[in-house]
N, C-alpha and C. Protein backbone atom coordinates (compact mmCIF):
# COMPACT_ATOMS: atom_id res chain seq x y z
N MET A 1 97.16 137.45 71.45
CA MET A 1 96.85 136.99 72.80
C MET A 1 97.45 135.61 73.03
N ALA A 2 98.17 135.45 74.13
CA ALA A 2 98.84 134.18 74.43
C ALA A 2 97.83 133.11 74.84
N LYS A 3 98.16 131.87 74.44
CA LYS A 3 97.29 130.74 74.79
C LYS A 3 97.40 130.47 76.29
N LYS A 4 96.26 130.36 76.94
CA LYS A 4 96.24 130.12 78.39
C LYS A 4 96.60 128.67 78.67
N GLU A 5 97.62 128.47 79.49
CA GLU A 5 98.03 127.12 79.87
C GLU A 5 97.11 126.61 80.98
N THR A 6 96.53 125.44 80.77
CA THR A 6 95.72 124.84 81.82
C THR A 6 96.58 123.83 82.57
N ARG A 7 96.48 123.86 83.87
CA ARG A 7 97.27 122.95 84.70
C ARG A 7 96.68 121.56 84.60
N PHE A 8 97.54 120.56 84.41
CA PHE A 8 97.07 119.18 84.28
C PHE A 8 96.54 118.67 85.61
N GLN A 9 95.35 118.08 85.59
CA GLN A 9 94.74 117.53 86.79
C GLN A 9 95.00 116.03 86.85
N LYS A 10 95.64 115.57 87.91
CA LYS A 10 95.87 114.14 88.09
C LYS A 10 94.54 113.48 88.39
N HIS A 11 94.32 112.29 87.84
CA HIS A 11 93.05 111.61 88.03
C HIS A 11 93.18 110.12 87.72
N PHE A 12 92.08 109.39 87.91
CA PHE A 12 92.03 107.96 87.63
C PHE A 12 91.17 107.70 86.41
N ARG A 13 91.56 106.73 85.60
CA ARG A 13 90.79 106.33 84.42
C ARG A 13 90.88 104.83 84.23
N LYS A 14 89.93 104.31 83.48
CA LYS A 14 89.98 102.93 83.03
C LYS A 14 90.12 102.97 81.53
N PHE A 15 91.21 102.38 81.01
CA PHE A 15 91.45 102.34 79.57
C PHE A 15 91.10 100.95 79.06
N HIS A 16 90.56 100.88 77.87
CA HIS A 16 90.18 99.59 77.29
C HIS A 16 90.91 99.39 75.97
N ASP A 17 92.00 98.64 76.03
CA ASP A 17 92.68 98.20 74.81
C ASP A 17 93.28 96.83 75.11
N GLY A 18 93.95 96.25 74.15
CA GLY A 18 94.48 94.90 74.32
C GLY A 18 95.45 94.75 75.48
N LYS A 19 96.19 95.82 75.77
CA LYS A 19 97.22 95.75 76.82
C LYS A 19 96.66 96.04 78.21
N LEU A 20 95.78 97.02 78.32
CA LEU A 20 95.34 97.48 79.64
C LEU A 20 94.06 96.81 80.13
N THR A 21 93.28 96.25 79.25
CA THR A 21 92.09 95.46 79.57
C THR A 21 91.21 95.98 80.70
N GLY A 22 90.98 97.27 80.73
CA GLY A 22 90.02 97.82 81.69
C GLY A 22 90.51 97.92 83.12
N HIS A 23 91.80 97.74 83.36
CA HIS A 23 92.32 97.94 84.72
C HIS A 23 92.35 99.44 85.02
N PRO A 24 92.11 99.82 86.26
CA PRO A 24 92.20 101.25 86.59
C PRO A 24 93.64 101.73 86.50
N GLN A 25 93.81 102.95 86.08
CA GLN A 25 95.13 103.56 85.94
C GLN A 25 95.10 104.94 86.61
N TYR A 26 96.23 105.32 87.20
CA TYR A 26 96.38 106.66 87.75
C TYR A 26 97.08 107.49 86.70
N VAL A 27 96.42 108.50 86.19
CA VAL A 27 96.99 109.38 85.16
C VAL A 27 97.63 110.55 85.88
N TYR A 28 98.97 110.65 85.82
CA TYR A 28 99.65 111.70 86.57
C TYR A 28 100.23 112.81 85.70
N ASP A 29 100.24 112.62 84.38
CA ASP A 29 100.77 113.67 83.51
C ASP A 29 100.40 113.34 82.07
N GLU A 30 100.65 114.30 81.18
CA GLU A 30 100.44 114.05 79.76
C GLU A 30 101.69 114.47 79.00
N ASP A 31 101.91 113.79 77.88
CA ASP A 31 103.09 114.04 77.06
C ASP A 31 102.62 114.03 75.61
N GLY A 32 102.27 115.20 75.09
CA GLY A 32 101.74 115.29 73.73
C GLY A 32 100.42 114.56 73.62
N GLN A 33 100.38 113.52 72.80
CA GLN A 33 99.16 112.75 72.59
C GLN A 33 99.07 111.52 73.50
N GLN A 34 99.88 111.48 74.56
CA GLN A 34 99.88 110.34 75.46
C GLN A 34 99.71 110.77 76.90
N TYR A 35 99.06 109.88 77.68
CA TYR A 35 98.97 110.06 79.13
C TYR A 35 100.10 109.25 79.76
N LYS A 36 100.68 109.77 80.83
CA LYS A 36 101.63 109.01 81.64
C LYS A 36 100.80 108.38 82.76
N ILE A 37 100.91 107.06 82.90
CA ILE A 37 100.03 106.34 83.82
C ILE A 37 100.79 105.40 84.75
N ILE A 38 100.16 105.10 85.88
CA ILE A 38 100.63 104.06 86.79
C ILE A 38 99.46 103.10 86.97
N GLY A 39 99.70 101.83 86.71
CA GLY A 39 98.66 100.82 86.81
C GLY A 39 98.31 100.50 88.25
N ILE A 40 97.03 100.21 88.48
CA ILE A 40 96.55 99.80 89.80
C ILE A 40 95.99 98.39 89.63
N THR A 41 96.34 97.51 90.56
CA THR A 41 95.94 96.12 90.45
C THR A 41 95.64 95.54 91.83
N LYS A 42 95.02 94.36 91.84
CA LYS A 42 94.78 93.69 93.11
C LYS A 42 95.73 92.51 93.30
N SER A 43 96.65 92.35 92.36
CA SER A 43 97.61 91.25 92.41
C SER A 43 98.96 91.73 92.96
N PRO A 44 99.56 90.96 93.89
CA PRO A 44 100.86 91.37 94.43
C PRO A 44 101.99 91.25 93.41
N LYS A 45 101.78 90.46 92.34
CA LYS A 45 102.83 90.24 91.34
C LYS A 45 102.20 90.26 89.94
N THR A 46 102.82 90.96 89.01
CA THR A 46 102.32 91.01 87.63
C THR A 46 103.47 90.70 86.69
N ASP A 47 103.30 89.71 85.83
CA ASP A 47 104.32 89.32 84.86
C ASP A 47 105.69 89.11 85.52
N GLY A 48 105.70 88.50 86.71
CA GLY A 48 106.96 88.21 87.40
C GLY A 48 107.56 89.39 88.14
N VAL A 49 106.89 90.54 88.14
CA VAL A 49 107.39 91.73 88.82
C VAL A 49 106.51 92.02 90.04
N TRP A 50 107.15 92.23 91.18
CA TRP A 50 106.40 92.53 92.40
C TRP A 50 105.83 93.93 92.33
N ASN A 51 104.57 94.08 92.70
CA ASN A 51 103.91 95.38 92.75
C ASN A 51 104.07 95.99 94.13
N ILE A 52 103.81 97.29 94.25
CA ILE A 52 103.96 98.02 95.51
C ILE A 52 102.61 98.07 96.21
N GLU A 53 102.58 97.53 97.43
CA GLU A 53 101.32 97.46 98.19
C GLU A 53 100.92 98.85 98.69
N LEU A 54 99.63 99.15 98.56
CA LEU A 54 99.08 100.41 99.08
C LEU A 54 98.46 100.15 100.44
N ASP A 55 98.48 101.16 101.30
CA ASP A 55 97.88 101.04 102.63
C ASP A 55 96.36 101.01 102.54
N CYS A 56 95.82 101.70 101.53
CA CYS A 56 94.38 101.84 101.41
C CYS A 56 93.99 101.79 99.92
N ASN A 57 92.94 101.07 99.60
CA ASN A 57 92.48 100.97 98.22
C ASN A 57 91.95 102.34 97.76
N PRO A 58 92.41 102.85 96.59
CA PRO A 58 91.93 104.16 96.12
C PRO A 58 90.48 104.15 95.64
N GLU A 59 89.94 102.95 95.39
CA GLU A 59 88.55 102.86 94.95
C GLU A 59 87.62 103.07 96.14
N PRO A 60 86.64 103.97 96.01
CA PRO A 60 85.72 104.23 97.13
C PRO A 60 84.96 102.95 97.52
N ASN A 61 84.76 102.75 98.81
CA ASN A 61 84.00 101.62 99.36
C ASN A 61 84.56 100.25 98.99
N ASN A 62 85.86 100.17 98.77
CA ASN A 62 86.49 98.88 98.50
C ASN A 62 87.65 98.71 99.47
N SER A 63 87.55 97.72 100.34
CA SER A 63 88.58 97.53 101.36
C SER A 63 89.59 96.44 100.97
N ALA A 64 89.47 95.88 99.76
CA ALA A 64 90.40 94.85 99.30
C ALA A 64 91.80 95.44 99.12
N LYS A 65 92.82 94.59 99.22
CA LYS A 65 94.21 95.05 99.03
C LYS A 65 94.36 95.59 97.61
N ALA A 66 95.15 96.64 97.48
CA ALA A 66 95.43 97.21 96.16
C ALA A 66 96.93 97.45 96.04
N TYR A 67 97.41 97.42 94.82
CA TYR A 67 98.84 97.59 94.54
C TYR A 67 99.00 98.53 93.36
N ILE A 68 100.17 99.17 93.28
CA ILE A 68 100.50 99.95 92.09
C ILE A 68 101.68 99.28 91.40
N ARG A 69 101.73 99.43 90.10
CA ARG A 69 102.84 98.88 89.33
C ARG A 69 104.09 99.71 89.62
N PRO A 70 105.26 99.09 89.74
CA PRO A 70 106.47 99.84 90.09
C PRO A 70 107.04 100.67 88.94
N LYS A 71 106.52 100.48 87.73
CA LYS A 71 107.05 101.21 86.58
C LYS A 71 105.91 101.88 85.83
N PRO A 72 105.96 103.20 85.67
CA PRO A 72 104.92 103.90 84.92
C PRO A 72 104.92 103.49 83.45
N ASP A 73 103.85 103.81 82.77
CA ASP A 73 103.68 103.46 81.37
C ASP A 73 103.07 104.67 80.66
N LYS A 74 102.86 104.54 79.36
CA LYS A 74 102.18 105.59 78.59
C LYS A 74 101.07 104.95 77.79
N VAL A 75 100.01 105.71 77.57
CA VAL A 75 98.90 105.23 76.75
C VAL A 75 98.40 106.40 75.89
N ASN A 76 98.02 106.09 74.65
CA ASN A 76 97.51 107.12 73.75
C ASN A 76 96.19 107.68 74.28
N LYS A 77 96.01 108.98 74.12
CA LYS A 77 94.78 109.62 74.59
C LYS A 77 93.56 109.13 73.81
N GLY A 78 93.78 108.60 72.61
CA GLY A 78 92.68 108.15 71.76
C GLY A 78 92.08 106.81 72.18
N VAL A 79 92.75 106.08 73.07
CA VAL A 79 92.25 104.78 73.52
C VAL A 79 90.94 104.97 74.28
N LYS A 80 89.97 104.09 74.02
CA LYS A 80 88.68 104.16 74.71
C LYS A 80 88.91 104.15 76.22
N ASN A 81 88.34 105.12 76.92
CA ASN A 81 88.55 105.18 78.36
C ASN A 81 87.38 105.84 79.06
N LYS A 82 87.37 105.66 80.38
CA LYS A 82 86.31 106.22 81.22
C LYS A 82 86.96 106.79 82.48
N ARG A 83 86.61 108.01 82.82
CA ARG A 83 87.15 108.63 84.02
C ARG A 83 86.47 108.04 85.26
N LEU A 84 87.27 107.77 86.29
CA LEU A 84 86.74 107.19 87.53
C LEU A 84 86.58 108.30 88.56
N LYS A 85 85.38 108.49 89.03
CA LYS A 85 85.10 109.58 89.97
C LYS A 85 85.28 109.13 91.42
N ASN A 86 85.68 110.06 92.27
CA ASN A 86 85.84 109.86 93.71
C ASN A 86 86.97 108.91 94.12
N TRP A 87 87.81 108.52 93.19
CA TRP A 87 88.96 107.68 93.54
C TRP A 87 90.05 108.60 94.08
N LYS A 88 90.75 108.17 95.12
CA LYS A 88 91.88 108.96 95.62
C LYS A 88 92.81 108.08 96.45
N PHE A 89 94.08 108.51 96.47
CA PHE A 89 95.08 107.80 97.27
C PHE A 89 95.04 108.30 98.71
N ALA A 90 95.31 107.40 99.65
CA ALA A 90 95.45 107.80 101.05
C ALA A 90 96.72 108.64 101.15
N LYS A 91 96.79 109.47 102.18
CA LYS A 91 97.95 110.34 102.37
C LYS A 91 99.25 109.53 102.40
N SER A 92 99.24 108.39 103.10
CA SER A 92 100.44 107.56 103.22
C SER A 92 100.83 106.94 101.87
N ASP A 93 99.87 106.73 100.98
CA ASP A 93 100.15 106.13 99.68
C ASP A 93 100.69 107.13 98.67
N LYS A 94 100.37 108.41 98.87
CA LYS A 94 100.82 109.44 97.93
C LYS A 94 102.35 109.46 97.82
N LYS A 95 103.03 109.22 98.95
CA LYS A 95 104.50 109.19 98.95
C LYS A 95 105.02 108.04 98.09
N LYS A 96 104.36 106.89 98.18
CA LYS A 96 104.76 105.72 97.38
C LYS A 96 104.59 106.00 95.89
N VAL A 97 103.46 106.60 95.55
CA VAL A 97 103.16 106.93 94.16
C VAL A 97 104.18 107.95 93.64
N GLN A 98 104.46 108.97 94.43
CA GLN A 98 105.41 110.00 94.02
C GLN A 98 106.80 109.42 93.83
N ALA A 99 107.18 108.45 94.68
CA ALA A 99 108.50 107.81 94.56
C ALA A 99 108.62 107.07 93.22
N VAL A 100 107.54 106.39 92.80
CA VAL A 100 107.54 105.70 91.51
C VAL A 100 107.68 106.71 90.36
N ILE A 101 106.95 107.81 90.45
CA ILE A 101 107.01 108.86 89.43
C ILE A 101 108.41 109.46 89.37
N ASP A 102 108.96 109.82 90.54
CA ASP A 102 110.28 110.44 90.60
C ASP A 102 111.36 109.52 90.01
N LYS A 103 111.27 108.24 90.34
CA LYS A 103 112.26 107.28 89.86
C LYS A 103 112.20 107.18 88.33
N ALA A 104 111.01 107.22 87.78
CA ALA A 104 110.83 107.11 86.33
C ALA A 104 111.24 108.39 85.60
N GLU A 105 111.03 109.52 86.24
CA GLU A 105 111.31 110.81 85.59
C GLU A 105 112.80 111.15 85.56
N LYS A 106 113.58 110.49 86.43
CA LYS A 106 115.03 110.75 86.42
C LYS A 106 115.62 110.29 85.11
N LYS A 107 116.50 111.10 84.57
CA LYS A 107 117.15 110.74 83.33
C LYS A 107 118.14 109.61 83.58
N LYS A 108 118.05 108.60 82.71
CA LYS A 108 118.98 107.48 82.84
C LYS A 108 120.34 107.90 82.30
N PRO A 109 121.45 107.53 83.00
CA PRO A 109 122.77 107.92 82.53
C PRO A 109 123.08 107.33 81.16
N ARG A 110 123.77 108.11 80.37
CA ARG A 110 124.11 107.67 79.01
C ARG A 110 125.18 106.59 79.07
N LYS A 111 125.03 105.59 78.20
CA LYS A 111 126.03 104.51 78.15
C LYS A 111 127.25 105.00 77.42
N LYS A 112 128.43 104.65 77.92
CA LYS A 112 129.68 105.10 77.28
C LYS A 112 130.18 104.10 76.28
């Protein structure tokens, strides 16, 4: 009997390790033992890199400005984390998030 493939559900989590320090992350895919994530922050700039402003904060009942990191990252599934319920992107923000994912998923040309 073939193993039933379960479709990956995109969701929000908070990871707690030295690098992510409890910031919310959007988990959009998995790669073996790692989640593919996009960081969410309230700062317009992180480590000298400008973040992408969202039209609406994905956190329920929070009207403060929110931003996504322009470059996705990966985190091990074993890192202590907590799933965030009822978080969602506004329709207008989904395009911005998808653009970041698409840009990262494109294969980089090989150097000659």
